[in-house]
Amino acid sequence: METPLTYEAAYAELQEIVTALENETISVDELALKVKRATQLVEFCQGKLKSTEAELDKIIKNPE
């Protein structure tokens, strides 16, 4: 059973990919896959931030 992805896990994985890219430790064979995964992680994190912002706005406007 796969654990659902969290913002923190996605951000950590994204940081690992960026570090590997900066240090040039990713092989040419892996490069496209890593960039594709990084794009997915960025989209996931952006979605999480937007949904959290919307929920916070809702809470602030209607505190109960």
Protein backbone atom coordinates (compact mmCIF):
# COMPACT_ATOMS: atom_id res chain seq x y z
CA MET A 1 0.00 0.00 0.00
CA GLU A 2 1.45 3.33 -1.08
CA THR A 3 1.62 6.19 1.42
CA PRO A 4 -0.12 9.36 0.18
CA LEU A 5 2.27 12.11 -0.83
CA THR A 6 2.54 15.01 1.62
CA TYR A 7 3.70 18.53 0.90
CA GLU A 8 6.78 18.00 3.07
CA ALA A 9 7.74 14.75 1.29
CA ALA A 10 7.19 16.30 -2.14
CA TYR A 11 9.26 19.35 -1.23
CA ALA A 12 12.08 17.20 0.15
CA GLU A 13 12.15 15.06 -2.98
CA LEU A 14 12.15 18.18 -5.13
CA GLN A 15 15.10 19.57 -3.17
CA GLU A 16 16.99 16.30 -3.72
CA ILE A 17 16.40 16.51 -7.47
CA VAL A 18 17.50 20.15 -7.60
CA THR A 19 20.65 19.37 -5.61
CA ALA A 20 21.47 16.47 -7.92
CA LEU A 21 20.96 18.71 -10.95
CA GLU A 22 23.16 21.44 -9.47
CA ASN A 23 25.89 18.93 -8.58
CA GLU A 24 25.57 17.27 -11.98
CA THR A 25 25.16 13.83 -10.39
CA ILE A 26 22.20 12.82 -12.56
CA SER A 27 23.12 10.81 -15.60
CA VAL A 28 21.90 11.77 -19.04
CA ASP A 29 19.76 8.63 -19.00
CA GLU A 30 17.94 9.79 -15.86
CA LEU A 31 17.74 13.48 -16.69
CA ALA A 32 14.39 13.51 -18.52
CA LEU A 33 12.76 11.33 -15.85
CA LYS A 34 14.04 13.55 -13.03
CA VAL A 35 12.89 16.74 -14.75
CA LYS A 36 9.46 15.19 -15.39
CA ARG A 37 9.21 14.11 -11.73
CA ALA A 38 10.30 17.58 -10.58
CA THR A 39 7.54 19.11 -12.70
CA GLN A 40 4.98 16.79 -11.11
CA LEU A 41 6.23 17.67 -7.62
CA VAL A 42 6.08 21.41 -8.32
CA GLU A 43 2.48 21.06 -9.57
CA PHE A 44 1.57 19.01 -6.50
CA CYS A 45 3.10 21.55 -4.12
CA GLN A 46 1.43 24.47 -5.88
CA GLY A 47 -1.93 22.70 -5.66
CA LYS A 48 -1.45 22.01 -1.95
CA LEU A 49 -0.55 25.64 -1.27
CA LYS A 50 -3.54 26.94 -3.24
CA SER A 51 -6.00 24.59 -1.52
CA THR A 52 -4.59 25.46 1.90
CA GLU A 53 -4.84 29.16 1.13
CA ALA A 54 -8.47 28.75 0.03
CA GLU A 55 -9.30 26.82 3.18
CA LEU A 56 -7.64 29.42 5.40
CA ASP A 57 -9.53 32.21 3.62
CA LYS A 58 -12.76 30.31 4.24
CA ILE A 59 -11.94 29.84 7.93
CA ILE A 60 -11.00 33.50 8.37
CA LYS A 61 -14.20 34.71 6.69
CA ASN A 62 -16.46 32.34 8.66
CA PRO A 63 -14.84 31.49 11.99
CA GLU A 64 -16.94 28.96 13.88
